[in-house]
Amino acid sequence: MLAVAALIVTACSPPEKTPRPKNPKIEIEQGMRYFVGGPFLVEDAYGRSRVKNYEGEVLTPPSRGVVIGLKEAGDGSFESKTWVMGRLAALSRGVFDKDGLQRSTYKELYTGGKVSRRHWTSYDDVAGEMTTKSEVLDTDSGAIIQTKTIKVPYKRAKRVADDDSDSFFDSDDEGEEEEPDEEQ
């Protein structure tokens, strides 16, 4: 009876908790502003979502949650970093377009503190084409595993603000049921 009671007490006792490692502290960089709110996105003239600005500016970045850092240069370029739980997750560099929207030209994505992907993007407004070169890297050796180049033509998009209707909600067949198959 005593052995059964000891077994029940052992089985019902909570498991020993191992202390969770602390999130690393985000180092403050000269000239970088930090935000804990999400980005405010706007469609550009080509229908692509672009970052206009960020919400929730803080003086000292916390080590928890998602933190975005933005450093603007006087020449119209920027550098943006994203941390998740104090760990660097992404780095972007680019330029602001004439509307003040961020146009990224280089990105790095991190896995386990090491670069796992890189992207270079160039925009040719005259030819109406965006070219993106991507590399997937081995995080242990840093060797390039895969390279891909994509060229995407673009043209001016019809702005939602220019259209009085919202095509998603103004669909004529919204809420209609499918007609049953005649064979049933």
Foldseek 3Di string as FASTA:
>chain_A
DVVVVVVVCVVPDDDDDDDDDAQDAADDDPQKWKAQFAFDWDQDQQRDTFGQGGPHTDPGDDLAAKMKIWHADPVQKIKMWIDHSNATAKIFIAGQPPNNTGDTQKMFGDDPNFTQKIKGWDADVVQQKIKIWMFGADRVPRHTDDIDIDIDGTDGDDDPVNPPDDCVPPDPCPPPDDDDDPVD
